[in-house]
Protein backbone atom coordinates (compact mmCIF):
# COMPACT_ATOMS: atom_id res chain seq x y z
CA PHE A 1 54.55 80.73 21.46
CA PHE A 2 51.20 82.68 21.98
CA ILE A 3 51.46 83.02 25.64
CA TYR A 4 54.96 84.84 25.07
CA CYS A 5 53.25 86.73 22.43
CA LEU A 6 50.54 87.82 25.06
CA ASP A 7 53.24 88.71 27.07
CA TYR A 8 55.24 91.32 25.02
CA LEU A 9 51.59 92.86 24.03
CA SER A 10 50.72 93.20 27.53
CA CYS A 11 53.84 94.73 28.56
CA PHE A 12 53.42 97.58 25.52
CA VAL A 13 49.98 98.08 27.15
CA PHE A 14 51.47 98.14 30.42
CA CYS A 15 54.08 101.26 29.17
CA ILE A 16 51.03 103.22 27.27
CA ASN A 17 48.61 102.94 29.88
CA SER A 18 49.26 101.58 33.39
CA GLY A 19 45.92 99.89 33.88
CA TYR A 20 46.86 96.69 35.28
CA MET A 21 43.62 95.45 34.99
CA VAL A 22 44.64 94.66 31.22
CA HIS A 23 47.25 92.84 31.90
CA ILE A 24 45.62 90.49 34.50
CA LEU A 25 42.50 89.70 32.44
CA VAL A 26 45.00 88.75 29.47
CA TYR A 27 47.13 86.41 31.70
CA MET A 28 43.47 85.27 33.37
CA ILE A 29 42.39 84.02 29.88
CA VAL A 30 45.40 82.35 28.93
CA SER A 31 45.03 80.69 32.09
CA VAL A 32 41.46 79.66 31.34
CA TYR A 33 42.26 78.48 27.61
CA SER A 34 45.56 76.54 29.04
CA LEU A 35 43.16 74.77 31.52
CA LEU A 36 40.61 73.62 28.97
CA CYS A 37 43.22 72.04 26.94
CA LEU A 38 44.13 69.86 30.07
CA LEU A 39 40.73 69.11 30.61
CA PHE A 40 40.02 68.04 27.12
CA GLN A 41 43.39 66.68 26.31
CA LYS A 42 44.12 69.00 23.03
CA GLY A 43 47.53 69.65 21.99
CA ASN A 44 50.66 68.77 24.06
CA VAL A 45 49.85 68.33 27.66
CA ILE A 46 53.48 69.35 28.90
CA SER A 47 53.12 72.58 26.78
CA SER A 48 49.69 73.27 28.56
CA LEU A 49 51.13 72.66 31.63
CA HIS A 50 53.98 75.50 31.32
CA VAL A 51 51.64 78.16 29.65
CA CYS A 52 48.99 77.29 32.23
CA SER A 53 51.58 77.81 35.20
CA TYR A 54 53.46 80.79 33.42
CA SER A 55 50.25 82.57 32.84
CA ILE A 56 49.23 82.13 36.88
CA MET A 57 52.19 83.33 37.88
CA LEU A 58 52.16 86.51 35.92
CA ALA A 59 48.70 87.28 36.67
CA VAL A 60 49.71 86.46 40.68
CA GLY A 61 52.49 89.28 39.96
CA VAL A 62 50.52 91.93 38.56
CA GLY A 63 47.83 91.68 40.96
CA LEU A 64 49.98 92.26 43.51
CA LEU A 65 51.46 95.25 41.45
CA CYS A 66 48.22 96.49 41.35
CA TYR A 67 47.26 96.31 44.80
CA SER A 68 50.65 98.29 45.72
CA ASN A 69 49.80 100.74 43.49
CA GLY A 70 53.50 101.52 42.72
CA GLU A 71 54.21 102.01 39.06
CA ASN A 72 57.96 101.32 39.81
CA GLU A 73 57.50 98.17 41.36
CA ILE A 74 57.78 96.32 38.06
CA LEU A 75 61.33 95.15 38.69
CA PRO A 76 60.02 93.17 41.63
CA LEU A 77 56.82 91.91 39.84
CA GLY A 78 59.67 90.60 37.10
CA LEU A 79 62.30 89.16 40.12
CA PHE A 80 59.41 87.35 41.33
CA THR A 81 58.12 85.74 38.25
CA LEU A 82 61.83 84.97 37.41
CA SER A 83 62.17 82.79 40.67
CA LEU A 84 59.13 81.11 40.53
CA ILE A 85 59.53 79.88 36.76
CA PRO A 86 62.20 77.74 37.52
CA PHE A 87 60.71 76.10 40.67
CA MET A 88 57.87 75.51 38.23
CA TYR A 89 59.54 74.14 35.12
CA GLU A 90 61.74 71.90 37.54
CA HIS A 91 58.15 70.45 38.94
CA ILE A 92 56.89 70.13 35.68
CA SER A 93 59.58 68.41 34.29
CA THR A 94 59.00 66.11 36.92
CA TYR A 95 55.76 65.46 36.25
CA GLU A 96 56.42 65.13 32.51
CA THR A 97 59.08 62.39 33.28
CA LYS A 98 56.76 60.58 35.74
CA LEU A 99 53.82 60.79 32.88
CA ASN A 100 56.02 59.36 30.48
CA ILE A 101 57.47 56.56 32.79
CA GLN A 102 53.64 55.83 33.56
CA ILE A 103 52.88 55.87 30.07
CA LYS A 104 55.76 53.53 29.00
CA GLY A 105 54.71 51.39 31.62
CA LYS A 106 51.26 50.79 30.75
CA THR A 107 52.70 50.35 26.98
CA THR A 108 54.86 47.67 28.44
CA THR A 109 52.63 45.91 30.82
CA ALA A 110 49.71 46.06 27.82
CA ASN A 111 52.59 44.45 25.60
CA ASP A 112 53.47 41.89 27.92
CA GLU A 113 49.99 40.92 28.44
CA SER A 114 49.61 40.71 24.53
CA GLY A 115 52.81 38.36 24.27
CA THR A 116 51.60 36.39 27.41
CA VAL A 117 48.11 35.86 25.83
CA GLN A 118 49.86 34.98 22.25
CA SER A 119 52.32 32.74 24.07
CA LEU A 120 49.34 30.82 25.91
CA GLN A 121 47.77 30.71 22.24
CA LEU A 122 50.88 29.08 20.90
CA MET A 123 51.20 26.91 24.20
CA MET A 124 47.74 25.67 23.09
CA ARG A 125 48.03 25.00 19.46
CA ASN A 126 51.15 23.31 20.18
CA GLU A 127 49.42 21.17 22.49
CA GLU A 128 46.53 20.57 19.95
CA LEU A 129 49.02 19.88 17.30
CA ALA A 130 51.19 17.38 19.61
CA SER A 131 47.61 15.42 20.37
CA VAL A 132 47.03 15.11 16.78
CA ILE A 133 50.54 13.76 15.52
CA GLU A 134 50.11 11.25 18.49
CA SER A 135 46.73 9.90 17.34
CA LEU A 136 47.91 10.10 13.53
CA GLN A 137 50.68 7.98 14.91
CA GLU A 138 48.50 5.30 16.48
CA THR A 139 46.55 5.34 13.76
CA ASN A 140 49.65 4.73 11.60
CA LYS A 141 50.88 1.90 13.51
CA LEU A 142 47.10 0.26 13.57
CA LEU A 143 47.30 0.50 9.60
CA ILE A 144 50.48 -1.08 9.04
CA ASN A 145 49.84 -3.75 11.56
CA GLU A 146 46.65 -4.43 9.90
CA ARG A 147 48.45 -4.19 6.43
CA ASN A 148 51.10 -6.54 7.78
CA LEU A 149 48.21 -8.98 8.64
CA ASN A 150 46.27 -8.56 5.53
CA GLN A 151 49.70 -9.47 3.87
CA SER A 152 49.89 -12.28 5.81
CA GLN A 153 46.86 -13.58 5.40
CA ARG A 154 46.79 -12.95 1.85
CA MET A 155 50.02 -15.05 1.60
CA LEU A 156 48.04 -17.77 3.54
CA PHE A 157 45.50 -17.88 1.47
CA GLU A 158 47.26 -18.04 -1.66
CA LYS A 159 49.32 -20.81 -0.75
CA GLN A 160 46.23 -22.60 0.54
CA SER A 161 44.77 -21.62 -2.92
CA LYS A 162 47.68 -22.74 -5.13
CA ASP A 163 47.51 -25.80 -2.92
CA LEU A 164 44.04 -26.44 -3.80
CA THR A 165 44.15 -25.73 -7.10
CA ASP A 166 47.39 -28.39 -7.73
CA SER A 167 45.41 -30.89 -6.26
CA ILE A 168 42.64 -30.06 -8.50
CA ARG A 169 45.08 -30.61 -11.63
CA TYR A 170 46.07 -33.71 -10.18
CA ALA A 171 42.72 -34.61 -10.32
CA LYS A 172 41.98 -33.78 -13.60
CA ARG A 173 45.08 -35.51 -14.59
CA ILE A 174 43.59 -38.60 -13.22
CA GLN A 175 40.19 -38.25 -14.38
CA ASN A 176 41.72 -37.76 -17.72
CA THR A 177 43.29 -41.29 -17.44
CA LEU A 178 40.09 -43.09 -16.79
CA ILE A 179 38.74 -42.03 -19.87
CA LYS A 180 41.27 -42.86 -22.19
CA GLY A 181 38.53 -42.84 -25.06
CA GLU A 182 40.09 -40.77 -27.68
CA HIS A 183 42.19 -43.08 -29.40
CA VAL A 184 39.53 -45.67 -29.61
CA LEU A 185 37.34 -42.71 -31.81
CA ARG A 186 40.42 -41.87 -33.53
CA GLN A 187 40.82 -45.84 -34.97
CA ASN A 188 36.80 -46.04 -35.81
CA PHE A 189 35.56 -43.17 -37.32
CA ASN A 190 36.90 -41.09 -39.73
CA GLU A 191 36.13 -37.32 -38.23
CA PHE A 192 34.80 -36.74 -34.56
CA PHE A 193 35.27 -33.62 -32.12
CA ILE A 194 34.99 -33.60 -28.03
CA LEU A 195 34.39 -30.36 -26.73
CA ASP A 196 35.01 -30.71 -23.12
CA MET A 197 35.47 -27.62 -21.29
CA PRO A 198 35.10 -27.96 -17.54
CA ARG A 199 34.11 -24.79 -15.43
CA ASP A 200 36.02 -25.66 -12.42
CA ILE A 201 39.02 -27.28 -13.58
CA VAL A 202 37.25 -30.88 -13.25
CA SER A 203 33.57 -31.69 -13.88
CA GLY A 204 30.78 -33.87 -13.29
CA ASP A 205 30.32 -33.99 -17.08
CA PHE A 206 32.38 -36.72 -18.62
CA TYR A 207 32.84 -38.95 -21.76
CA TRP A 208 33.59 -42.77 -21.42
CA VAL A 209 34.62 -44.48 -24.95
CA SER A 210 35.43 -48.27 -25.08
CA GLN A 211 35.10 -51.32 -27.60
CA ASP A 212 34.44 -54.73 -27.86
CA VAL A 213 35.16 -56.39 -31.28
CA ASP A 214 33.56 -54.61 -33.58
CA VAL A 215 31.26 -52.35 -31.34
CA VAL A 216 32.19 -49.31 -29.95
CA TYR A 217 30.49 -48.25 -26.62
CA VAL A 218 30.17 -44.50 -26.12
CA VAL A 219 28.97 -42.86 -22.85
CA VAL A 220 28.47 -39.27 -22.10
CA ALA A 221 26.87 -38.27 -19.15
CA ASP A 222 26.10 -35.63 -16.31
CA CYS A 223 26.57 -36.13 -12.54
CA THR A 224 25.15 -34.64 -9.99
CA GLY A 225 27.08 -31.56 -8.64
CA HIS A 226 29.67 -29.34 -10.55
CA GLY A 227 33.37 -29.16 -9.95
CA VAL A 228 35.17 -31.68 -7.20
CA PRO A 229 31.73 -33.01 -5.88
CA GLY A 230 30.75 -33.70 -9.85
CA ALA A 231 34.24 -35.08 -10.52
CA PHE A 232 33.79 -37.89 -7.85
CA MET A 233 31.01 -39.06 -9.20
CA SER A 234 32.17 -39.17 -12.63
CA ILE A 235 35.09 -41.40 -11.27
CA LEU A 236 32.40 -43.89 -9.45
CA GLY A 237 30.58 -43.88 -12.99
CA ILE A 238 33.75 -44.53 -15.03
CA SER A 239 34.47 -47.29 -12.50
CA PHE A 240 31.12 -48.99 -12.83
CA LEU A 241 30.85 -48.79 -16.64
CA ASN A 242 34.20 -50.63 -16.88
CA GLU A 243 33.13 -53.24 -14.59
CA ILE A 244 29.54 -53.67 -16.73
CA ILE A 245 31.21 -53.60 -20.08
CA ARG A 246 34.86 -54.73 -19.58
CA SER A 247 34.44 -57.21 -16.83
CA PHE A 248 30.64 -58.36 -17.24
CA ARG A 249 30.63 -57.85 -21.13
CA ILE A 250 26.80 -56.71 -21.05
CA GLN A 251 26.09 -55.61 -24.46
CA HIS A 252 22.82 -53.61 -24.52
CA PRO A 253 22.76 -50.08 -23.70
CA SER A 254 19.89 -50.60 -21.70
CA GLN A 255 21.27 -53.27 -19.57
CA ILE A 256 24.28 -51.23 -18.83
CA LEU A 257 21.90 -48.16 -17.69
CA THR A 258 19.79 -50.74 -15.49
CA GLU A 259 23.04 -52.18 -13.98
CA LEU A 260 24.75 -48.80 -13.66
CA ARG A 261 21.72 -47.58 -11.93
CA LYS A 262 21.50 -50.37 -9.54
CA ARG A 263 25.04 -50.11 -8.46
CA MET A 264 24.67 -46.38 -7.66
CA ILE A 265 21.65 -47.07 -5.45
CA ALA A 266 23.56 -49.66 -3.30
CA THR A 267 26.48 -47.46 -3.27
CA PHE A 268 24.61 -44.57 -1.65
CA ASN A 269 21.96 -46.56 0.25
CA ASN A 270 23.09 -46.19 3.55
CA GLN A 271 19.71 -45.54 5.08
CA ASP A 272 16.20 -46.92 5.00
CA SER A 273 15.30 -46.91 1.02
CA GLU A 274 11.42 -46.32 2.41
CA SER A 275 12.38 -43.12 4.02
CA ASP A 276 11.11 -39.80 2.28
CA ASP A 277 14.65 -38.47 2.30
CA LEU A 278 16.27 -40.30 -0.33
CA PRO A 279 19.71 -38.98 -1.82
CA LYS A 280 19.55 -37.80 -4.95
CA ASP A 281 23.35 -38.41 -5.81
CA GLY A 282 22.90 -39.85 -9.50
CA MET A 283 23.58 -38.83 -12.97
CA ASP A 284 22.07 -38.44 -16.50
CA ILE A 285 23.12 -40.12 -19.06
CA SER A 286 23.14 -41.55 -22.67
CA VAL A 287 24.70 -44.66 -24.02
CA VAL A 288 25.19 -45.61 -27.50
CA SER A 289 26.97 -48.63 -29.19
CA VAL A 290 27.81 -48.46 -32.63
CA ASN A 291 28.17 -52.32 -34.69
CA ARG A 292 30.69 -51.30 -37.76
CA THR A 293 29.72 -54.50 -39.19
CA LYS A 294 26.12 -54.57 -39.17
CA MET A 295 25.68 -50.48 -39.44
CA ILE A 296 23.29 -50.46 -36.23
CA LEU A 297 23.07 -48.14 -33.56
CA GLU A 298 21.81 -48.97 -30.23
CA TYR A 299 20.80 -46.27 -27.87
CA ALA A 300 19.34 -46.10 -24.42
CA GLY A 301 19.17 -42.81 -22.11
CA ALA A 302 18.47 -41.30 -18.51
CA TYR A 303 17.08 -38.10 -19.64
CA ASN A 304 19.99 -37.45 -22.04
CA PRO A 305 19.03 -37.39 -25.81
CA VAL A 306 21.10 -37.97 -28.76
CA TYR A 307 20.52 -36.26 -32.34
CA LEU A 308 20.81 -37.79 -35.55
CA VAL A 309 21.45 -35.64 -38.28
CA ARG A 310 20.96 -37.13 -41.92
CA ASN A 311 20.62 -35.29 -45.08
CA SER A 312 20.09 -32.16 -43.22
CA THR A 313 17.27 -33.23 -41.22
CA LEU A 314 17.57 -33.77 -37.54
CA ALA A 315 16.06 -36.48 -35.80
CA PRO A 316 16.19 -36.92 -32.01
CA LEU A 317 16.57 -40.16 -29.89
CA HIS A 318 14.83 -39.56 -26.60
CA GLY A 319 15.47 -42.05 -23.63
CA ASP A 320 13.45 -42.80 -20.73
CA LYS A 321 12.44 -39.86 -17.94
CA PHE A 322 14.27 -41.29 -14.72
CA PRO A 323 17.76 -40.70 -13.73
CA ILE A 324 20.37 -42.96 -12.77
CA SER A 325 19.87 -42.82 -8.88
CA PHE A 326 16.32 -43.42 -6.66
CA TYR A 327 13.45 -42.92 -8.29
CA ALA A 328 9.64 -43.69 -7.38
CA SER A 329 9.89 -47.01 -8.14
CA GLU A 330 13.19 -48.94 -8.40
CA GLU A 331 11.92 -51.59 -10.47
CA GLN A 332 11.59 -49.34 -13.84
CA ASN A 333 13.99 -50.60 -16.91
CA TYR A 334 15.36 -48.62 -19.78
CA HIS A 335 14.72 -48.91 -23.19
CA ASP A 336 16.64 -49.69 -26.40
CA THR A 337 16.34 -47.56 -29.61
CA LEU A 338 17.57 -49.27 -32.54
CA VAL A 339 18.54 -47.07 -35.60
CA ALA A 340 20.11 -48.31 -39.22
CA ILE A 341 23.05 -45.76 -39.78
CA GLU A 342 24.41 -44.78 -43.19
CA PRO A 343 27.54 -43.46 -44.62
CA GLY A 344 27.39 -39.45 -43.73
CA ASP A 345 25.03 -39.71 -40.41
CA LEU A 346 26.06 -37.35 -37.81
CA ILE A 347 25.49 -38.44 -34.37
CA TYR A 348 25.39 -35.31 -31.55
CA MET A 349 25.87 -36.93 -27.92
CA PHE A 350 25.66 -33.82 -25.03
CA THR A 351 24.74 -32.83 -21.76
CA ASP A 352 22.59 -29.85 -20.85
CA GLY A 353 25.82 -27.91 -20.06
CA TYR A 354 25.71 -26.44 -23.78
CA ALA A 355 22.29 -25.67 -24.09
CA ASP A 356 22.19 -24.22 -20.42
CA GLN A 357 24.60 -21.63 -21.20
CA PHE A 358 24.21 -17.84 -20.91
CA GLY A 359 24.89 -14.71 -22.91
CA TRP A 360 23.68 -15.54 -26.21
CA LYS A 361 22.11 -12.88 -28.51
CA THR A 362 19.69 -12.05 -25.99
CA GLY A 363 21.77 -12.61 -22.91
CA LYS A 364 19.63 -15.82 -21.96
CA LYS A 365 19.95 -19.63 -21.96
CA PHE A 366 20.91 -20.96 -25.67
CA LYS A 367 18.46 -23.44 -25.05
CA TYR A 368 17.86 -26.84 -27.05
CA THR A 369 15.89 -25.41 -29.89
CA ASN A 370 19.01 -23.05 -31.22
CA LEU A 371 21.25 -25.93 -30.29
CA LYS A 372 19.41 -27.98 -32.94
CA GLU A 373 19.77 -25.21 -35.60
CA LEU A 374 23.33 -24.90 -34.80
CA PHE A 375 23.91 -28.58 -35.74
CA LEU A 376 21.70 -27.93 -38.86
CA GLU A 377 23.94 -25.14 -40.25
CA ILE A 378 27.30 -26.85 -39.26
CA THR A 379 25.86 -29.95 -41.14
CA ASP A 380 28.11 -29.35 -44.16
CA LEU A 381 31.35 -28.01 -42.75
CA PRO A 382 34.20 -30.62 -42.12
């Protein structure tokens, strides 16, 4: 638009004043302006090419006219300009097409390169995801195998535990069968109680009751070990008591303990008795015989005491300080303690299991002092 306005203005000046230099100056200014637009890429490149070329052609035409000094040669100048403009437009259009093609090609190449980079990134991510999925699948397989193995082991352990528990319960039935003492107590005493609460189904603590005419024998013992080992020791002790009291009819508690100790030592004496490494298997025990006709209580004990409560007063009966097992001197004998009993007397026989219980008021052991106080507190209770 600008170049056409200048063209008409130059023609008007040309008609008024025949100074051709004005035309040349105007066309040269427009050409320089168009070249600057091309160099600095201002505005539309194609329009700048058109303007620059058209201005140069007009400047050349006017220059030729000036050189010929003929005012009537304006028509040849216009014809010359018109003949050059189509040729110029054709080449400029061709350049425009090539430029567009080049620009589009670069854009397409850039788009292709960008798409290729994105495709490569997606492929790498897919490979990483596939690797992670494969690793998770392997881990899942290992976890499944481990779970199946743990289930199999747990089932095997549960079966073995059940079999072992059933065997221990059967051993408890055998142990209870060998005791058979509750009916004897019920026949001879108006009131009694038995607190037998083993920690491991079977126990090394046991009681044993027998009767010979008017004399009732009551034994409470604490064997070495707990659970199954203690239960084996208790069965051995019950067997020896049956032989000593029922077969050999030994009556005094001290003699019963002495004979029981001899048998226990003979049973476990599978090595030289003079060796320092002597077996410690045995038991702490208290034996009481009650003659209901004479109202005499006879007691002998190996560590285990017996408490007699009369008129709210507790009198402990202490035994000898060596157990039913190997000791420093095998020739030591146990001693009897005789007590005349009266109606209303309470006799408590026990092992150390009750006094050694944890979890009382202070969270510590119950101990014998508190056990004595407990016996006195329940004296008047039925």
